[in-house]
Amino acid sequence: MEIESRRTALKALSATAIGMALAPHLALGAAPGAPKKPFVLRLADARAGEHYHLMGFDLFLKVSAKDSDGQMSMFSGVYRKHDGPPLHVHYEQDEEFYITEGEFLVQVGEERYTLKAGDLIFLPRNIPHTFLTLSDTGRMVFMTHPSGKTEQLFKQLAALPPTATPDDAQKIHIANQCRIVGPKLTVG
């Protein structure tokens, strides 16, 4: 009987350890932040008014780090032909791009993919990536997880004056756990 009790205790301890590793806030019964409420944002709406205009395109914050206890941020972007950021790398966040309208050329590492409405691409952290809008207009929804400093990055880049230098943009990237590592994509 004593052996059975030890096995039961070891199983319970193992389950608790695994649970703490996978979801520490739940395993200990801690609340994962403020109570959450559902919300709806329309196409041109931004969470808490966070709309960023940078590098020629518009980004709308849809789900913030505050909404997800820092687990993810979600944005929608509206782009015109040839819009796209320089080649850059995130050190702390993975990303996904889900194309909702138009056509984009996406580079991840050395690989290039042409994506259209309905396509999704996963971008692992620590791999340089960029995109270029191929169609006259395009839209995508993208997520970063965990949230990290992505929202601050966009807010700070959007605040740069028109006279800002590439070095100014690089300083903001570095302060927000990423780095510009190459130029924008071009075609032709």
C-alpha atoms as a PDB file:
ATOM      1  CA  MET A   1       0.000   0.000   0.000  1.00  0.00           C
ATOM      2  CA  GLU A   2       2.870   2.357   0.803  1.00  0.00           C
ATOM      3  CA  ILE A   3       4.380   1.834  -2.687  1.00  0.00           C
ATOM      4  CA  GLU A   4       1.035   2.728  -4.267  1.00  0.00           C
ATOM      5  CA  SER A   5       0.847   5.910  -2.172  1.00  0.00           C
ATOM      6  CA  ARG A   6       4.343   6.918  -3.304  1.00  0.00           C
ATOM      7  CA  ARG A   7       3.432   6.324  -6.943  1.00  0.00           C
ATOM      8  CA  THR A   8       0.307   8.415  -6.550  1.00  0.00           C
ATOM      9  CA  ALA A   9       2.287  11.194  -4.872  1.00  0.00           C
ATOM     10  CA  LEU A  10       4.999  11.106  -7.557  1.00  0.00           C
ATOM     11  CA  LYS A  11       2.396  11.245 -10.321  1.00  0.00           C
ATOM     12  CA  ALA A  12       0.731  14.240  -8.670  1.00  0.00           C
ATOM     13  CA  LEU A  13       4.076  15.988  -8.187  1.00  0.00           C
ATOM     14  CA  SER A  14       5.059  15.313 -11.817  1.00  0.00           C
ATOM     15  CA  ALA A  15       1.734  16.632 -13.074  1.00  0.00           C
ATOM     16  CA  THR A  16       2.151  19.785 -10.973  1.00  0.00           C
ATOM     17  CA  ALA A  17       5.703  20.353 -12.236  1.00  0.00           C
ATOM     18  CA  ILE A  18       4.642  19.913 -15.853  1.00  0.00           C
ATOM     19  CA  GLY A  19       1.667  22.206 -15.337  1.00  0.00           C
ATOM     20  CA  MET A  20       3.871  24.886 -13.764  1.00  0.00           C
ATOM     21  CA  ALA A  21       6.291  24.677 -16.673  1.00  0.00           C
ATOM     22  CA  LEU A  22       3.568  24.929 -19.302  1.00  0.00           C
ATOM     23  CA  ALA A  23       1.281  27.484 -17.639  1.00  0.00           C
ATOM     24  CA  PRO A  24       2.797  28.803 -14.421  1.00  0.00           C
ATOM     25  CA  HIS A  25       0.046  31.358 -13.762  1.00  0.00           C
ATOM     26  CA  LEU A  26      -2.595  28.615 -13.924  1.00  0.00           C
ATOM     27  CA  ALA A  27      -0.651  25.949 -12.056  1.00  0.00           C
ATOM     28  CA  LEU A  28      -0.380  28.133  -8.980  1.00  0.00           C
ATOM     29  CA  GLY A  29      -3.879  29.531  -9.273  1.00  0.00           C
ATOM     30  CA  ALA A  30      -2.639  33.052  -9.966  1.00  0.00           C
ATOM     31  CA  ALA A  31      -4.821  35.328 -12.050  1.00  0.00           C
ATOM     32  CA  PRO A  32      -3.198  36.094 -15.431  1.00  0.00           C
ATOM     33  CA  GLY A  33      -3.929  39.827 -15.228  1.00  0.00           C
ATOM     34  CA  ALA A  34      -7.047  41.913 -15.295  1.00  0.00           C
ATOM     35  CA  PRO A  35     -10.340  40.265 -16.242  1.00  0.00           C
ATOM     36  CA  LYS A  36     -10.824  40.267 -19.985  1.00  0.00           C
ATOM     37  CA  LYS A  37     -13.866  41.341 -21.955  1.00  0.00           C
ATOM     38  CA  PRO A  38     -14.549  40.659 -25.602  1.00  0.00           C
ATOM     39  CA  PHE A  39     -14.318  43.588 -27.988  1.00  0.00           C
ATOM     40  CA  VAL A  40     -14.990  44.284 -31.656  1.00  0.00           C
ATOM     41  CA  LEU A  41     -12.880  46.452 -33.925  1.00  0.00           C
ATOM     42  CA  ARG A  42     -14.096  47.401 -37.387  1.00  0.00           C
ATOM     43  CA  LEU A  43     -11.846  47.440 -40.444  1.00  0.00           C
ATOM     44  CA  ALA A  44     -10.345  50.908 -39.929  1.00  0.00           C
ATOM     45  CA  ASP A  45     -10.476  50.819 -36.104  1.00  0.00           C
ATOM     46  CA  ALA A  46      -7.399  50.543 -33.906  1.00  0.00           C
ATOM     47  CA  ARG A  47      -7.224  49.344 -30.308  1.00  0.00           C
ATOM     48  CA  ALA A  48      -6.956  52.354 -27.997  1.00  0.00           C
ATOM     49  CA  GLY A  49      -6.610  54.551 -31.092  1.00  0.00           C
ATOM     50  CA  GLU A  50      -3.180  53.086 -31.899  1.00  0.00           C
ATOM     51  CA  HIS A  51      -2.869  53.807 -35.627  1.00  0.00           C
ATOM     52  CA  TYR A  52       0.678  54.147 -36.941  1.00  0.00           C
ATOM     53  CA  HIS A  53       1.714  55.678 -40.260  1.00  0.00           C
ATOM     54  CA  LEU A  54       5.278  54.685 -41.051  1.00  0.00           C
ATOM     55  CA  MET A  55       7.420  53.922 -44.082  1.00  0.00           C
ATOM     56  CA  GLY A  56       4.492  54.959 -46.279  1.00  0.00           C
ATOM     57  CA  PHE A  57       1.943  52.477 -44.939  1.00  0.00           C
ATOM     58  CA  ASP A  58      -0.683  52.356 -42.213  1.00  0.00           C
ATOM     59  CA  LEU A  59      -0.775  49.905 -39.314  1.00  0.00           C
ATOM     60  CA  PHE A  60      -3.710  49.441 -36.955  1.00  0.00           C
ATOM     61  CA  LEU A  61      -3.212  47.766 -33.588  1.00  0.00           C
ATOM     62  CA  LYS A  62      -6.013  45.199 -33.229  1.00  0.00           C
ATOM     63  CA  VAL A  63      -5.008  43.195 -30.125  1.00  0.00           C
ATOM     64  CA  SER A  64      -2.504  44.706 -27.714  1.00  0.00           C
ATOM     65  CA  ALA A  65      -0.044  43.255 -25.265  1.00  0.00           C
ATOM     66  CA  LYS A  66      -2.358  44.529 -22.524  1.00  0.00           C
ATOM     67  CA  ASP A  67      -5.217  42.456 -23.978  1.00  0.00           C
ATOM     68  CA  SER A  68      -3.147  39.258 -24.070  1.00  0.00           C
ATOM     69  CA  ASP A  69      -0.987  39.590 -20.949  1.00  0.00           C
ATOM     70  CA  GLY A  70       1.983  40.128 -23.242  1.00  0.00           C
ATOM     71  CA  GLN A  71       1.447  36.895 -25.154  1.00  0.00           C
ATOM     72  CA  MET A  72       0.845  38.522 -28.546  1.00  0.00           C
ATOM     73  CA  SER A  73       0.099  41.671 -30.476  1.00  0.00           C
ATOM     74  CA  MET A  74      -1.996  41.713 -33.639  1.00  0.00           C
ATOM     75  CA  PHE A  75      -1.960  44.391 -36.333  1.00  0.00           C
ATOM     76  CA  SER A  76      -3.575  44.983 -39.687  1.00  0.00           C
ATOM     77  CA  GLY A  77      -1.678  46.802 -42.379  1.00  0.00           C
ATOM     78  CA  VAL A  78      -2.792  48.687 -45.478  1.00  0.00           C
ATOM     79  CA  TYR A  79      -0.161  48.900 -48.221  1.00  0.00           C
ATOM     80  CA  ARG A  80       0.383  50.371 -51.687  1.00  0.00           C
ATOM     81  CA  LYS A  81       2.523  49.015 -54.508  1.00  0.00           C
ATOM     82  CA  HIS A  82       6.211  48.733 -53.502  1.00  0.00           C
ATOM     83  CA  ASP A  83       5.541  49.359 -49.782  1.00  0.00           C
ATOM     84  CA  GLY A  84       7.536  47.253 -47.366  1.00  0.00           C
ATOM     85  CA  PRO A  85      10.108  47.521 -44.584  1.00  0.00           C
ATOM     86  CA  PRO A  86      13.849  47.000 -44.891  1.00  0.00           C
ATOM     87  CA  LEU A  87      15.226  43.524 -44.187  1.00  0.00           C
ATOM     88  CA  HIS A  88      15.141  43.170 -40.411  1.00  0.00           C
ATOM     89  CA  VAL A  89      15.300  40.581 -37.655  1.00  0.00           C
ATOM     90  CA  HIS A  90      13.335  40.212 -34.396  1.00  0.00           C
ATOM     91  CA  TYR A  91      15.297  38.622 -31.574  1.00  0.00           C
ATOM     92  CA  GLU A  92      12.421  37.910 -29.198  1.00  0.00           C
ATOM     93  CA  GLN A  93       9.264  37.504 -31.345  1.00  0.00           C
ATOM     94  CA  ASP A  94       7.918  35.077 -33.906  1.00  0.00           C
ATOM     95  CA  GLU A  95       5.519  36.526 -36.493  1.00  0.00           C
ATOM     96  CA  GLU A  96       2.807  35.377 -38.834  1.00  0.00           C
ATOM     97  CA  PHE A  97       1.578  37.279 -41.881  1.00  0.00           C
ATOM     98  CA  TYR A  98      -1.917  36.470 -43.151  1.00  0.00           C
ATOM     99  CA  ILE A  99      -2.670  38.101 -46.494  1.00  0.00           C
ATOM    100  CA  THR A 100      -6.250  39.380 -46.767  1.00  0.00           C
ATOM    101  CA  GLU A 101      -5.968  41.354 -50.016  1.00  0.00           C
ATOM    102  CA  GLY A 102      -3.444  41.747 -52.811  1.00  0.00           C
ATOM    103  CA  GLU A 103      -0.113  40.096 -53.494  1.00  0.00           C
ATOM    104  CA  PHE A 104       3.149  40.281 -51.558  1.00  0.00           C
ATOM    105  CA  LEU A 105       6.690  39.052 -52.034  1.00  0.00           C
ATOM    106  CA  VAL A 106       8.012  37.868 -48.665  1.00  0.00           C
ATOM    107  CA  GLN A 107      11.645  37.058 -47.966  1.00  0.00           C
ATOM    108  CA  VAL A 108      12.593  34.935 -44.948  1.00  0.00           C
ATOM    109  CA  GLY A 109      16.298  34.250 -44.732  1.00  0.00           C
ATOM    110  CA  GLU A 110      17.323  33.478 -48.330  1.00  0.00           C
ATOM    111  CA  GLU A 111      13.906  32.090 -49.344  1.00  0.00           C
ATOM    112  CA  ARG A 112      11.325  34.172 -51.218  1.00  0.00           C
ATOM    113  CA  TYR A 113       7.592  33.462 -51.410  1.00  0.00           C
ATOM    114  CA  THR A 114       4.823  35.115 -53.396  1.00  0.00           C
ATOM    115  CA  LEU A 115       1.696  35.260 -51.232  1.00  0.00           C
ATOM    116  CA  LYS A 116      -1.886  36.155 -52.135  1.00  0.00           C
ATOM    117  CA  ALA A 117      -5.154  36.614 -50.249  1.00  0.00           C
ATOM    118  CA  GLY A 118      -5.753  33.643 -47.966  1.00  0.00           C
ATOM    119  CA  ASP A 119      -2.049  32.722 -47.652  1.00  0.00           C
ATOM    120  CA  LEU A 120      -0.194  32.690 -44.326  1.00  0.00           C
ATOM    121  CA  ILE A 121       3.516  32.582 -43.592  1.00  0.00           C
ATOM    122  CA  PHE A 122       5.224  31.861 -40.258  1.00  0.00           C
ATOM    123  CA  LEU A 123       8.373  33.903 -39.573  1.00  0.00           C
ATOM    124  CA  PRO A 124      10.530  32.449 -36.774  1.00  0.00           C
ATOM    125  CA  ARG A 125      12.465  34.835 -34.562  1.00  0.00           C
ATOM    126  CA  ASN A 126      16.157  35.362 -35.340  1.00  0.00           C
ATOM    127  CA  ILE A 127      15.670  34.936 -39.105  1.00  0.00           C
ATOM    128  CA  PRO A 128      15.835  38.149 -41.175  1.00  0.00           C
ATOM    129  CA  HIS A 129      12.694  38.907 -43.151  1.00  0.00           C
ATOM    130  CA  THR A 130      10.930  41.578 -45.174  1.00  0.00           C
ATOM    131  CA  PHE A 131       8.137  41.956 -47.704  1.00  0.00           C
ATOM    132  CA  LEU A 132       7.235  43.981 -50.758  1.00  0.00           C
ATOM    133  CA  THR A 133       3.710  44.798 -51.929  1.00  0.00           C
ATOM    134  CA  LEU A 134       3.400  43.606 -55.541  1.00  0.00           C
ATOM    135  CA  SER A 135      -0.220  44.572 -56.198  1.00  0.00           C
ATOM    136  CA  ASP A 136      -1.535  48.139 -56.451  1.00  0.00           C
ATOM    137  CA  THR A 137      -2.932  47.760 -52.926  1.00  0.00           C
ATOM    138  CA  GLY A 138      -2.679  45.084 -50.286  1.00  0.00           C
ATOM    139  CA  ARG A 139      -3.740  44.227 -46.766  1.00  0.00           C
ATOM    140  CA  MET A 140      -2.396  41.804 -44.236  1.00  0.00           C
ATOM    141  CA  VAL A 141      -3.013  40.856 -40.653  1.00  0.00           C
ATOM    142  CA  PHE A 142       0.093  40.003 -38.697  1.00  0.00           C
ATOM    143  CA  MET A 143       0.863  38.854 -35.211  1.00  0.00           C
ATOM    144  CA  THR A 144       3.970  38.961 -33.071  1.00  0.00           C
ATOM    145  CA  HIS A 145       4.321  36.685 -30.109  1.00  0.00           C
ATOM    146  CA  PRO A 146       5.163  37.254 -27.457  1.00  0.00           C
ATOM    147  CA  SER A 147       4.299  40.926 -27.781  1.00  0.00           C
ATOM    148  CA  GLY A 148       7.674  42.147 -26.627  1.00  0.00           C
ATOM    149  CA  LYS A 149       8.378  45.690 -27.730  1.00  0.00           C
ATOM    150  CA  THR A 150       6.659  45.562 -31.129  1.00  0.00           C
ATOM    151  CA  GLU A 151       4.009  48.137 -30.270  1.00  0.00           C
ATOM    152  CA  GLN A 152       6.664  50.550 -28.967  1.00  0.00           C
ATOM    153  CA  LEU A 153       8.748  49.965 -32.122  1.00  0.00           C
ATOM    154  CA  PHE A 154       5.903  51.022 -34.417  1.00  0.00           C
ATOM    155  CA  LYS A 155       4.906  53.968 -32.231  1.00  0.00           C
ATOM    156  CA  GLN A 156       8.487  55.275 -32.149  1.00  0.00           C
ATOM    157  CA  LEU A 157       9.075  54.748 -35.883  1.00  0.00           C
ATOM    158  CA  ALA A 158       5.822  56.555 -36.691  1.00  0.00           C
ATOM    159  CA  ALA A 159       6.999  59.520 -34.588  1.00  0.00           C
ATOM    160  CA  LEU A 160      10.222  59.970 -36.587  1.00  0.00           C
ATOM    161  CA  PRO A 161      10.323  63.255 -38.511  1.00  0.00           C
ATOM    162  CA  PRO A 162      10.647  63.222 -42.323  1.00  0.00           C
ATOM    163  CA  THR A 163      14.291  64.276 -41.876  1.00  0.00           C
ATOM    164  CA  ALA A 164      15.151  61.116 -39.888  1.00  0.00           C
ATOM    165  CA  THR A 165      18.149  59.126 -41.062  1.00  0.00           C
ATOM    166  CA  PRO A 166      18.499  55.356 -41.456  1.00  0.00           C
ATOM    167  CA  ASP A 167      20.686  55.498 -38.331  1.00  0.00           C
ATOM    168  CA  ASP A 168      17.758  57.040 -36.395  1.00  0.00           C
ATOM    169  CA  ALA A 169      15.532  54.135 -37.477  1.00  0.00           C
ATOM    170  CA  GLN A 170      18.238  51.596 -36.578  1.00  0.00           C
ATOM    171  CA  LYS A 171      18.584  53.036 -33.052  1.00  0.00           C
ATOM    172  CA  ILE A 172      14.824  52.562 -32.530  1.00  0.00           C
ATOM    173  CA  HIS A 173      14.993  48.995 -33.852  1.00  0.00           C
ATOM    174  CA  ILE A 174      17.885  48.087 -31.540  1.00  0.00           C
ATOM    175  CA  ALA A 175      16.135  49.642 -28.527  1.00  0.00           C
ATOM    176  CA  ASN A 176      13.144  47.389 -29.306  1.00  0.00           C
ATOM    177  CA  GLN A 177      14.906  44.005 -29.650  1.00  0.00           C
ATOM    178  CA  CYS A 178      15.350  43.959 -33.420  1.00  0.00           C
ATOM    179  CA  ARG A 179      17.764  45.230 -36.051  1.00  0.00           C
ATOM    180  CA  ILE A 180      17.724  46.378 -39.663  1.00  0.00           C
ATOM    181  CA  VAL A 181      20.083  44.055 -41.513  1.00  0.00           C
ATOM    182  CA  GLY A 182      19.545  44.984 -45.162  1.00  0.00           C
ATOM    183  CA  PRO A 183      17.670  47.095 -47.699  1.00  0.00           C
ATOM    184  CA  LYS A 184      14.063  46.992 -48.805  1.00  0.00           C
ATOM    185  CA  LEU A 185      13.115  44.443 -51.434  1.00  0.00           C
ATOM    186  CA  THR A 186      12.829  45.650 -55.002  1.00  0.00           C
ATOM    187  CA  VAL A 187      11.565  44.044 -58.191  1.00  0.00           C
ATOM    188  CA  GLY A 188      12.891  44.359 -61.706  1.00  0.00           C
END
